[in-house]
Amino acid sequence: GSSISGVTFVSVPGAVKAGGFSYYELVLGLVVGYWIIA
């Protein structure tokens, strides 16, 4: 809930028209980044 936030709740679905699922490229990088943190 803390990481998703209201921004993701409305902006990620809305941004699909312009960028498709490209946001998921960034999300895959986030996963690697979280493991570096750990």
Full PDB file with SEQRES, HELIX, SHEET, SSBOND, CRYST1, ORIGX, SCALE, CONECT and MASTER records, all heavy atoms in Angstrom:
SEQRES   1 A   38  GLY SER SER ILE SER GLY VAL THR PHE VAL SER VAL PRO          
SEQRES   2 A   38  GLY ALA VAL LYS ALA GLY GLY PHE SER TYR TYR GLU LEU          
SEQRES   3 A   38  VAL LEU GLY LEU VAL VAL GLY TYR TRP ILE ILE ALA              
HELIX    1 AA1 SER A    5  GLY A   19  1                                  15    
HELIX    2 AA2 TYR A   23  ILE A   37  1                                  15    
CRYST1    1.000    1.000    1.000  90.00  90.00  90.00 P 1           1          
ORIGX1      1.000000  0.000000  0.000000        0.00000                         
ORIGX2      0.000000  1.000000  0.000000        0.00000                         
ORIGX3      0.000000  0.000000  1.000000        0.00000                         
SCALE1      1.000000  0.000000  0.000000        0.00000                         
SCALE2      0.000000  1.000000  0.000000        0.00000                         
SCALE3      0.000000  0.000000  1.000000        0.00000                         
ATOM      1  N   GLY A   1       0.818  -1.211   0.000  1.00  0.00           N  
ATOM      2  CA  GLY A   1       0.000   0.000   0.000  1.00  0.00           C  
ATOM      3  C   GLY A   1       0.848   1.255   0.000  1.00  0.00           C  
ATOM      4  O   GLY A   1       0.538   2.232  -0.687  1.00  0.00           O  
ATOM      5  N   SER A   2       1.965   1.236   0.755  1.00  0.00           N  
ATOM      6  CA  SER A   2       2.825   2.418   0.830  1.00  0.00           C  
ATOM      7  C   SER A   2       3.486   2.715  -0.512  1.00  0.00           C  
ATOM      8  O   SER A   2       3.659   3.865  -0.890  1.00  0.00           O  
ATOM      9  CB  SER A   2       3.911   2.209   1.891  1.00  0.00           C  
ATOM     10  OG  SER A   2       3.333   2.016   3.162  1.00  0.00           O  
ATOM     11  N   SER A   3       3.886   1.665  -1.230  1.00  0.00           N  
ATOM     12  CA  SER A   3       4.595   1.870  -2.496  1.00  0.00           C  
ATOM     13  C   SER A   3       3.644   2.128  -3.656  1.00  0.00           C  
ATOM     14  O   SER A   3       3.987   2.837  -4.602  1.00  0.00           O  
ATOM     15  CB  SER A   3       5.471   0.652  -2.816  1.00  0.00           C  
ATOM     16  OG  SER A   3       4.660  -0.496  -2.989  1.00  0.00           O  
ATOM     17  N   ILE A   4       2.433   1.540  -3.596  1.00  0.00           N  
ATOM     18  CA  ILE A   4       1.481   1.732  -4.692  1.00  0.00           C  
ATOM     19  C   ILE A   4       0.938   3.148  -4.680  1.00  0.00           C  
ATOM     20  O   ILE A   4       1.050   3.881  -5.650  1.00  0.00           O  
ATOM     21  CB  ILE A   4       0.320   0.714  -4.587  1.00  0.00           C  
ATOM     22  CG1 ILE A   4       0.850  -0.704  -4.816  1.00  0.00           C  
ATOM     23  CG2 ILE A   4      -0.790   1.036  -5.566  1.00  0.00           C  
ATOM     24  CD1 ILE A   4       1.443  -0.933  -6.178  1.00  0.00           C  
ATOM     25  N   SER A   5       0.343   3.577  -3.622  1.00  0.00           N  
ATOM     26  CA  SER A   5      -0.180   4.934  -3.434  1.00  0.00           C  
ATOM     27  C   SER A   5      -1.298   5.274  -4.427  1.00  0.00           C  
ATOM     28  O   SER A   5      -1.517   4.581  -5.419  1.00  0.00           O  
ATOM     29  CB  SER A   5       0.925   5.980  -3.518  1.00  0.00           C  
ATOM     30  OG  SER A   5       1.246   6.305  -4.858  1.00  0.00           O  
ATOM     31  N   GLY A   6      -1.959   6.382  -4.164  1.00  0.00           N  
ATOM     32  CA  GLY A   6      -3.033   6.849  -5.033  1.00  0.00           C  
ATOM     33  C   GLY A   6      -2.541   7.246  -6.408  1.00  0.00           C  
ATOM     34  O   GLY A   6      -3.286   7.208  -7.394  1.00  0.00           O  
ATOM     35  N   VAL A   7      -1.261   7.632  -6.508  1.00  0.00           N  
ATOM     36  CA  VAL A   7      -0.675   7.999  -7.803  1.00  0.00           C  
ATOM     37  C   VAL A   7      -0.723   6.802  -8.740  1.00  0.00           C  
ATOM     38  O   VAL A   7      -1.172   6.892  -9.885  1.00  0.00           O  
ATOM     39  CB  VAL A   7       0.775   8.503  -7.623  1.00  0.00           C  
ATOM     40  CG1 VAL A   7       1.430   8.735  -8.971  1.00  0.00           C  
ATOM     41  CG2 VAL A   7       0.793   9.781  -6.809  1.00  0.00           C  
ATOM     42  N   THR A   8      -0.224   5.655  -8.275  1.00  0.00           N  
ATOM     43  CA  THR A   8      -0.257   4.440  -9.090  1.00  0.00           C  
ATOM     44  C   THR A   8      -1.689   4.048  -9.411  1.00  0.00           C  
ATOM     45  O   THR A   8      -1.993   3.604 -10.522  1.00  0.00           O  
ATOM     46  CB  THR A   8       0.442   3.287  -8.352  1.00  0.00           C  
ATOM     47  OG1 THR A   8       1.758   3.701  -7.993  1.00  0.00           O  
ATOM     48  CG2 THR A   8       0.519   2.048  -9.206  1.00  0.00           C  
ATOM     49  N   PHE A   9      -2.570   4.222  -8.458  1.00  0.00           N  
ATOM     50  CA  PHE A   9      -3.959   3.789  -8.601  1.00  0.00           C  
ATOM     51  C   PHE A   9      -4.644   4.445  -9.791  1.00  0.00           C  
ATOM     52  O   PHE A   9      -5.466   3.815 -10.459  1.00  0.00           O  
ATOM     53  CB  PHE A   9      -4.720   4.108  -7.311  1.00  0.00           C  
ATOM     54  CG  PHE A   9      -5.846   3.164  -7.026  1.00  0.00           C  
ATOM     55  CD1 PHE A   9      -5.601   1.950  -6.401  1.00  0.00           C  
ATOM     56  CD2 PHE A   9      -7.142   3.467  -7.377  1.00  0.00           C  
ATOM     57  CE1 PHE A   9      -6.640   1.057  -6.127  1.00  0.00           C  
ATOM     58  CE2 PHE A   9      -8.183   2.593  -7.108  1.00  0.00           C  
ATOM     59  CZ  PHE A   9      -7.929   1.384  -6.488  1.00  0.00           C  
ATOM     60  N   VAL A  10      -4.330   5.699 -10.084  1.00  0.00           N  
ATOM     61  CA  VAL A  10      -4.977   6.362 -11.219  1.00  0.00           C  
ATOM     62  C   VAL A  10      -4.028   6.601 -12.393  1.00  0.00           C  
ATOM     63  O   VAL A  10      -4.441   6.573 -13.551  1.00  0.00           O  
ATOM     64  CB  VAL A  10      -5.624   7.710 -10.801  1.00  0.00           C  
ATOM     65  CG1 VAL A  10      -6.719   7.484  -9.789  1.00  0.00           C  
ATOM     66  CG2 VAL A  10      -4.601   8.691 -10.269  1.00  0.00           C  
ATOM     67  N   SER A  11      -2.729   6.827 -12.121  1.00  0.00           N  
ATOM     68  CA  SER A  11      -1.809   7.195 -13.192  1.00  0.00           C  
ATOM     69  C   SER A  11      -1.344   6.013 -14.015  1.00  0.00           C  
ATOM     70  O   SER A  11      -1.168   6.130 -15.231  1.00  0.00           O  
ATOM     71  CB  SER A  11      -0.593   7.934 -12.618  1.00  0.00           C  
ATOM     72  OG  SER A  11      -0.884   9.286 -12.397  1.00  0.00           O  
ATOM     73  N   VAL A  12      -1.095   4.859 -13.385  1.00  0.00           N  
ATOM     74  CA  VAL A  12      -0.614   3.699 -14.147  1.00  0.00           C  
ATOM     75  C   VAL A  12      -1.664   3.209 -15.142  1.00  0.00           C  
ATOM     76  O   VAL A  12      -1.357   3.029 -16.327  1.00  0.00           O  
ATOM     77  CB  VAL A  12      -0.137   2.573 -13.201  1.00  0.00           C  
ATOM     78  CG1 VAL A  12       0.118   1.286 -13.979  1.00  0.00           C  
ATOM     79  CG2 VAL A  12       1.130   3.001 -12.481  1.00  0.00           C  
ATOM     80  N   PRO A  13      -2.929   3.002 -14.731  1.00  0.00           N  
ATOM     81  CA  PRO A  13      -3.934   2.636 -15.749  1.00  0.00           C  
ATOM     82  C   PRO A  13      -4.092   3.711 -16.827  1.00  0.00           C  
ATOM     83  O   PRO A  13      -4.221   3.395 -18.012  1.00  0.00           O  
ATOM     84  CB  PRO A  13      -5.227   2.484 -14.931  1.00  0.00           C  
ATOM     85  CG  PRO A  13      -4.775   2.168 -13.553  1.00  0.00           C  
ATOM     86  CD  PRO A  13      -3.513   2.966 -13.378  1.00  0.00           C  
ATOM     87  N   GLY A  14      -4.073   4.984 -16.437  1.00  0.00           N  
ATOM     88  CA  GLY A  14      -4.256   6.064 -17.400  1.00  0.00           C  
ATOM     89  C   GLY A  14      -3.114   6.195 -18.385  1.00  0.00           C  
ATOM     90  O   GLY A  14      -3.303   6.570 -19.550  1.00  0.00           O  
ATOM     91  N   ALA A  15      -1.882   5.865 -17.941  1.00  0.00           N  
ATOM     92  CA  ALA A  15      -0.701   6.025 -18.794  1.00  0.00           C  
ATOM     93  C   ALA A  15      -0.569   4.928 -19.842  1.00  0.00           C  
ATOM     94  O   ALA A  15       0.304   5.008 -20.718  1.00  0.00           O  
ATOM     95  CB  ALA A  15       0.558   6.062 -17.924  1.00  0.00           C  
ATOM     96  N   VAL A  16      -1.415   3.919 -19.782  1.00  0.00           N  
ATOM     97  CA  VAL A  16      -1.334   2.790 -20.716  1.00  0.00           C  
ATOM     98  C   VAL A  16      -1.526   3.247 -22.160  1.00  0.00           C  
ATOM     99  O   VAL A  16      -0.897   2.717 -23.076  1.00  0.00           O  
ATOM    100  CB  VAL A  16      -2.368   1.707 -20.325  1.00  0.00           C  
ATOM    101  CG1 VAL A  16      -2.618   0.740 -21.471  1.00  0.00           C  
ATOM    102  CG2 VAL A  16      -1.890   0.955 -19.095  1.00  0.00           C  
ATOM    103  N   LYS A  17      -2.373   4.231 -22.387  1.00  0.00           N  
ATOM    104  CA  LYS A  17      -2.645   4.678 -23.761  1.00  0.00           C  
ATOM    105  C   LYS A  17      -1.388   5.235 -24.425  1.00  0.00           C  
ATOM    106  O   LYS A  17      -1.109   4.954 -25.587  1.00  0.00           O  
ATOM    107  CB  LYS A  17      -3.745   5.738 -23.780  1.00  0.00           C  
ATOM    108  CG  LYS A  17      -4.122   6.197 -25.195  1.00  0.00           C  
ATOM    109  CD  LYS A  17      -5.319   7.109 -25.196  1.00  0.00           C  
ATOM    110  CE  LYS A  17      -5.650   7.604 -26.591  1.00  0.00           C  
ATOM    111  NZ  LYS A  17      -5.971   6.510 -27.514  1.00  0.00           N  
ATOM    112  N   ALA A  18      -0.608   6.011 -23.702  1.00  0.00           N  
ATOM    113  CA  ALA A  18       0.578   6.643 -24.286  1.00  0.00           C  
ATOM    114  C   ALA A  18       1.773   5.688 -24.351  1.00  0.00           C  
ATOM    115  O   ALA A  18       2.489   5.650 -25.353  1.00  0.00           O  
ATOM    116  CB  ALA A  18       0.962   7.883 -23.475  1.00  0.00           C  
ATOM    117  N   GLY A  19       1.969   4.902 -23.282  1.00  0.00           N  
ATOM    118  CA  GLY A  19       3.180   4.088 -23.217  1.00  0.00           C  
ATOM    119  C   GLY A  19       2.968   2.593 -23.142  1.00  0.00           C  
ATOM    120  O   GLY A  19       3.929   1.853 -22.920  1.00  0.00           O  
ATOM    121  N   GLY A  20       1.725   2.126 -23.352  1.00  0.00           N  
ATOM    122  CA  GLY A  20       1.472   0.700 -23.244  1.00  0.00           C  
ATOM    123  C   GLY A  20       1.863   0.179 -21.871  1.00  0.00           C  
ATOM    124  O   GLY A  20       1.643   0.836 -20.853  1.00  0.00           O  
ATOM    125  N   PHE A  21       2.472  -1.004 -21.867  1.00  0.00           N  
ATOM    126  CA  PHE A  21       2.926  -1.605 -20.607  1.00  0.00           C  
ATOM    127  C   PHE A  21       4.397  -1.283 -20.338  1.00  0.00           C  
ATOM    128  O   PHE A  21       5.063  -1.977 -19.574  1.00  0.00           O  
ATOM    129  CB  PHE A  21       2.738  -3.129 -20.650  1.00  0.00           C  
ATOM    130  CG  PHE A  21       1.328  -3.580 -20.369  1.00  0.00           C  
ATOM    131  CD1 PHE A  21       0.248  -2.731 -20.539  1.00  0.00           C  
ATOM    132  CD2 PHE A  21       1.061  -4.876 -19.949  1.00  0.00           C  
ATOM    133  CE1 PHE A  21      -1.056  -3.142 -20.292  1.00  0.00           C  
ATOM    134  CE2 PHE A  21      -0.230  -5.305 -19.689  1.00  0.00           C  
ATOM    135  CZ  PHE A  21      -1.294  -4.441 -19.873  1.00  0.00           C  
ATOM    136  N   SER A  22       4.920  -0.230 -20.963  1.00  0.00           N  
ATOM    137  CA  SER A  22       6.344   0.090 -20.822  1.00  0.00           C  
ATOM    138  C   SER A  22       6.738   0.369 -19.375  1.00  0.00           C  
ATOM    139  O   SER A  22       7.901   0.195 -19.000  1.00  0.00           O  
ATOM    140  CB  SER A  22       6.698   1.305 -21.683  1.00  0.00           C  
ATOM    141  OG  SER A  22       5.982   2.461 -21.252  1.00  0.00           O  
ATOM    142  N   TYR A  23       5.777   0.795 -18.571  1.00  0.00           N  
ATOM    143  CA  TYR A  23       6.067   1.054 -17.156  1.00  0.00           C  
ATOM    144  C   TYR A  23       6.600  -0.196 -16.465  1.00  0.00           C  
ATOM    145  O   TYR A  23       7.368  -0.107 -15.505  1.00  0.00           O  
ATOM    146  CB  TYR A  23       4.794   1.540 -16.458  1.00  0.00           C  
ATOM    147  CG  TYR A  23       4.962   1.898 -15.002  1.00  0.00           C  
ATOM    148  CD1 TYR A  23       5.749   2.976 -14.608  1.00  0.00           C  
ATOM    149  CD2 TYR A  23       4.331   1.157 -14.005  1.00  0.00           C  
ATOM    150  CE1 TYR A  23       5.905   3.301 -13.272  1.00  0.00           C  
ATOM    151  CE2 TYR A  23       4.469   1.483 -12.662  1.00  0.00           C  
ATOM    152  CZ  TYR A  23       5.259   2.553 -12.299  1.00  0.00           C  
ATOM    153  OH  TYR A  23       5.416   2.883 -10.985  1.00  0.00           O  
ATOM    154  N   TYR A  24       6.261  -1.372 -17.003  1.00  0.00           N  
ATOM    155  CA  TYR A  24       6.714  -2.617 -16.387  1.00  0.00           C  
ATOM    156  C   TYR A  24       8.210  -2.836 -16.579  1.00  0.00           C  
ATOM    157  O   TYR A  24       8.838  -3.566 -15.804  1.00  0.00           O  
ATOM    158  CB  TYR A  24       5.933  -3.808 -16.928  1.00  0.00           C  
ATOM    159  CG  TYR A  24       5.821  -4.925 -15.918  1.00  0.00           C  
ATOM    160  CD1 TYR A  24       5.033  -4.759 -14.780  1.00  0.00           C  
ATOM    161  CD2 TYR A  24       6.511  -6.115 -16.064  1.00  0.00           C  
ATOM    162  CE1 TYR A  24       4.929  -5.763 -13.823  1.00  0.00           C  
ATOM    163  CE2 TYR A  24       6.408  -7.130 -15.126  1.00  0.00           C  
ATOM    164  CZ  TYR A  24       5.620  -6.935 -14.001  1.00  0.00           C  
ATOM    165  OH  TYR A  24       5.527  -7.926 -13.055  1.00  0.00           O  
ATOM    166  N   GLU A  25       8.796  -2.233 -17.605  1.00  0.00           N  
ATOM    167  CA  GLU A  25      10.252  -2.287 -17.761  1.00  0.00           C  
ATOM    168  C   GLU A  25      10.923  -1.687 -16.532  1.00  0.00           C  
ATOM    169  O   GLU A  25      11.908  -2.217 -16.009  1.00  0.00           O  
ATOM    170  CB  GLU A  25      10.673  -1.511 -19.010  1.00  0.00           C  
ATOM    171  CG  GLU A  25      10.132  -2.060 -20.311  1.00  0.00           C  
ATOM    172  CD  GLU A  25      10.446  -1.151 -21.488  1.00  0.00           C  
ATOM    173  OE1 GLU A  25      10.341   0.084 -21.334  1.00  0.00           O  
ATOM    174  OE2 GLU A  25      10.805  -1.665 -22.560  1.00  0.00           O  
ATOM    175  N   LEU A  26      10.382  -0.576 -16.078  1.00  0.00           N  
ATOM    176  CA  LEU A  26      10.898   0.072 -14.875  1.00  0.00           C  
ATOM    177  C   LEU A  26      10.647  -0.787 -13.644  1.00  0.00           C  
ATOM    178  O   LEU A  26      11.504  -0.896 -12.756  1.00  0.00           O  
ATOM    179  CB  LEU A  26      10.257   1.452 -14.719  1.00  0.00           C  
ATOM    180  CG  LEU A  26      10.755   2.316 -13.566  1.00  0.00           C  
ATOM    181  CD1 LEU A  26      10.970   3.755 -14.031  1.00  0.00           C  
ATOM    182  CD2 LEU A  26       9.756   2.318 -12.407  1.00  0.00           C  
ATOM    183  N   VAL A  27       9.475  -1.432 -13.581  1.00  0.00           N  
ATOM    184  CA  VAL A  27       9.133  -2.266 -12.422  1.00  0.00           C  
ATOM    185  C   VAL A  27      10.096  -3.450 -12.294  1.00  0.00           C  
ATOM    186  O   VAL A  27      10.503  -3.812 -11.184  1.00  0.00           O  
ATOM    187  CB  VAL A  27       7.677  -2.767 -12.527  1.00  0.00           C  
ATOM    188  CG1 VAL A  27       7.362  -3.792 -11.444  1.00  0.00           C  
ATOM    189  CG2 VAL A  27       6.714  -1.591 -12.432  1.00  0.00           C  
ATOM    190  N   LEU A  28      10.496  -4.052 -13.412  1.00  0.00           N  
ATOM    191  CA  LEU A  28      11.469  -5.143 -13.357  1.00  0.00           C  
ATOM    192  C   LEU A  28      12.789  -4.665 -12.764  1.00  0.00           C  
ATOM    193  O   LEU A  28      13.445  -5.393 -12.003  1.00  0.00           O  
ATOM    194  CB  LEU A  28      11.691  -5.716 -14.762  1.00  0.00           C  
ATOM    195  CG  LEU A  28      10.485  -6.414 -15.397  1.00  0.00           C  
ATOM    196  CD1 LEU A  28      10.795  -6.799 -16.840  1.00  0.00           C  
ATOM    197  CD2 LEU A  28      10.098  -7.653 -14.591  1.00  0.00           C  
ATOM    198  N   GLY A  29      13.167  -3.442 -13.100  1.00  0.00           N  
ATOM    199  CA  GLY A  29      14.359  -2.859 -12.499  1.00  0.00           C  
ATOM    200  C   GLY A  29      14.180  -2.603 -11.011  1.00  0.00           C  
ATOM    201  O   GLY A  29      15.116  -2.767 -10.219  1.00  0.00           O  
ATOM    202  N   LEU A  30      12.953  -2.228 -10.624  1.00  0.00           N  
ATOM    203  CA  LEU A  30      12.675  -2.002  -9.198  1.00  0.00           C  
ATOM    204  C   LEU A  30      12.936  -3.265  -8.383  1.00  0.00           C  
ATOM    205  O   LEU A  30      13.495  -3.202  -7.280  1.00  0.00           O  
ATOM    206  CB  LEU A  30      11.218  -1.568  -9.005  1.00  0.00           C  
ATOM    207  CG  LEU A  30      10.792  -0.194  -9.534  1.00  0.00           C  
ATOM    208  CD1 LEU A  30       9.304   0.026  -9.283  1.00  0.00           C  
ATOM    209  CD2 LEU A  30      11.593   0.925  -8.888  1.00  0.00           C  
ATOM    210  N   VAL A  31      12.537  -4.420  -8.924  1.00  0.00           N  
ATOM    211  CA  VAL A  31      12.729  -5.687  -8.200  1.00  0.00           C  
ATOM    212  C   VAL A  31      14.208  -5.914  -7.910  1.00  0.00           C  
ATOM    213  O   VAL A  31      14.598  -6.250  -6.786  1.00  0.00           O  
ATOM    214  CB  VAL A  31      12.141  -6.868  -9.008  1.00  0.00           C  
ATOM    215  CG1 VAL A  31      12.496  -8.199  -8.346  1.00  0.00           C  
ATOM    216  CG2 VAL A  31      10.634  -6.729  -9.132  1.00  0.00           C  
ATOM    217  N   VAL A  32      15.043  -5.714  -8.923  1.00  0.00           N  
ATOM    218  CA  VAL A  32      16.494  -5.875  -8.743  1.00  0.00           C  
ATOM    219  C   VAL A  32      17.011  -4.872  -7.717  1.00  0.00           C  
ATOM    220  O   VAL A  32      17.829  -5.204  -6.850  1.00  0.00           O  
ATOM    221  CB  VAL A  32      17.231  -5.710 -10.089  1.00  0.00           C  
ATOM    222  CG1 VAL A  32      18.739  -5.765  -9.890  1.00  0.00           C  
ATOM    223  CG2 VAL A  32      16.790  -6.790 -11.070  1.00  0.00           C  
ATOM    224  N   GLY A  33      16.516  -3.645  -7.805  1.00  0.00           N  
ATOM    225  CA  GLY A  33      16.935  -2.614  -6.860  1.00  0.00           C  
ATOM    226  C   GLY A  33      16.580  -2.974  -5.422  1.00  0.00           C  
ATOM    227  O   GLY A  33      17.378  -2.748  -4.500  1.00  0.00           O  
ATOM    228  N   TYR A  34      15.390  -3.564  -5.217  1.00  0.00           N  
ATOM    229  CA  TYR A  34      14.989  -3.965  -3.861  1.00  0.00           C  
ATOM    230  C   TYR A  34      15.924  -5.044  -3.305  1.00  0.00           C  
ATOM    231  O   TYR A  34      16.254  -5.053  -2.110  1.00  0.00           O  
ATOM    232  CB  TYR A  34      13.548  -4.484  -3.854  1.00  0.00           C  
ATOM    233  CG  TYR A  34      12.511  -3.428  -4.160  1.00  0.00           C  
ATOM    234  CD1 TYR A  34      11.417  -3.705  -4.975  1.00  0.00           C  
ATOM    235  CD2 TYR A  34      12.618  -2.132  -3.638  1.00  0.00           C  
ATOM    236  CE1 TYR A  34      10.459  -2.732  -5.257  1.00  0.00           C  
ATOM    237  CE2 TYR A  34      11.663  -1.164  -3.915  1.00  0.00           C  
ATOM    238  CZ  TYR A  34      10.591  -1.474  -4.733  1.00  0.00           C  
ATOM    239  OH  TYR A  34       9.648  -0.509  -5.004  1.00  0.00           O  
ATOM    240  N   TRP A  35      16.352  -5.951  -4.153  1.00  0.00           N  
ATOM    241  CA  TRP A  35      17.272  -6.999  -3.690  1.00  0.00           C  
ATOM    242  C   TRP A  35      18.635  -6.399  -3.318  1.00  0.00           C  
ATOM    243  O   TRP A  35      19.283  -6.875  -2.381  1.00  0.00           O  
ATOM    244  CB  TRP A  35      17.424  -8.071  -4.777  1.00  0.00           C  
ATOM    245  CG  TRP A  35      16.157  -8.849  -5.006  1.00  0.00           C  
ATOM    246  CD1 TRP A  35      15.016  -8.801  -4.243  1.00  0.00           C  
ATOM    247  CD2 TRP A  35      15.878  -9.771  -6.057  1.00  0.00           C  
ATOM    248  NE1 TRP A  35      14.051  -9.632  -4.751  1.00  0.00           N  
ATOM    249  CE2 TRP A  35      14.546 -10.246  -5.867  1.00  0.00           C  
ATOM    250  CE3 TRP A  35      16.595 -10.254  -7.135  1.00  0.00           C  
ATOM    251  CZ2 TRP A  35      13.952 -11.171  -6.718  1.00  0.00           C  
ATOM    252  CZ3 TRP A  35      16.015 -11.174  -7.988  1.00  0.00           C  
ATOM    253  CH2 TRP A  35      14.711 -11.624  -7.784  1.00  0.00           C  
ATOM    254  N   ILE A  36      19.056  -5.382  -4.050  1.00  0.00           N  
ATOM    255  CA  ILE A  36      20.303  -4.690  -3.690  1.00  0.00           C  
ATOM    256  C   ILE A  36      20.161  -4.041  -2.310  1.00  0.00           C  
ATOM    257  O   ILE A  36      21.073  -4.089  -1.477  1.00  0.00           O  
ATOM    258  CB  ILE A  36      20.660  -3.635  -4.756  1.00  0.00           C  
ATOM    259  CG1 ILE A  36      21.045  -4.322  -6.079  1.00  0.00           C  
ATOM    260  CG2 ILE A  36      21.805  -2.736  -4.273  1.00  0.00           C  
ATOM    261  CD1 ILE A  36      21.229  -3.355  -7.236  1.00  0.00           C  
ATOM    262  N   ILE A  37      19.002  -3.445  -2.072  1.00  0.00           N  
ATOM    263  CA  ILE A  37      18.737  -2.832  -0.758  1.00  0.00           C  
ATOM    264  C   ILE A  37      18.866  -3.874   0.351  1.00  0.00           C  
ATOM    265  O   ILE A  37      19.513  -3.651   1.379  1.00  0.00           O  
ATOM    266  CB  ILE A  37      17.329  -2.211  -0.724  1.00  0.00           C  
ATOM    267  CG1 ILE A  37      17.244  -1.019  -1.672  1.00  0.00           C  
ATOM    268  CG2 ILE A  37      16.958  -1.773   0.697  1.00  0.00           C  
ATOM    269  CD1 ILE A  37      15.820  -0.554  -1.939  1.00  0.00           C  
ATOM    270  N   ALA A  38      18.238  -5.039   0.131  1.00  0.00           N  
ATOM    271  CA  ALA A  38      18.240  -6.086   1.155  1.00  0.00           C  
ATOM    272  C   ALA A  38      19.643  -6.595   1.445  1.00  0.00           C  
ATOM    273  O   ALA A  38      19.976  -6.879   2.609  1.00  0.00           O  
ATOM    274  CB  ALA A  38      17.335  -7.246   0.710  1.00  0.00           C  
TER     275      ALA A  38                                                      
MASTER        0    0    0    2    0    0    0    6  274    1    0    3          
END                                                                             
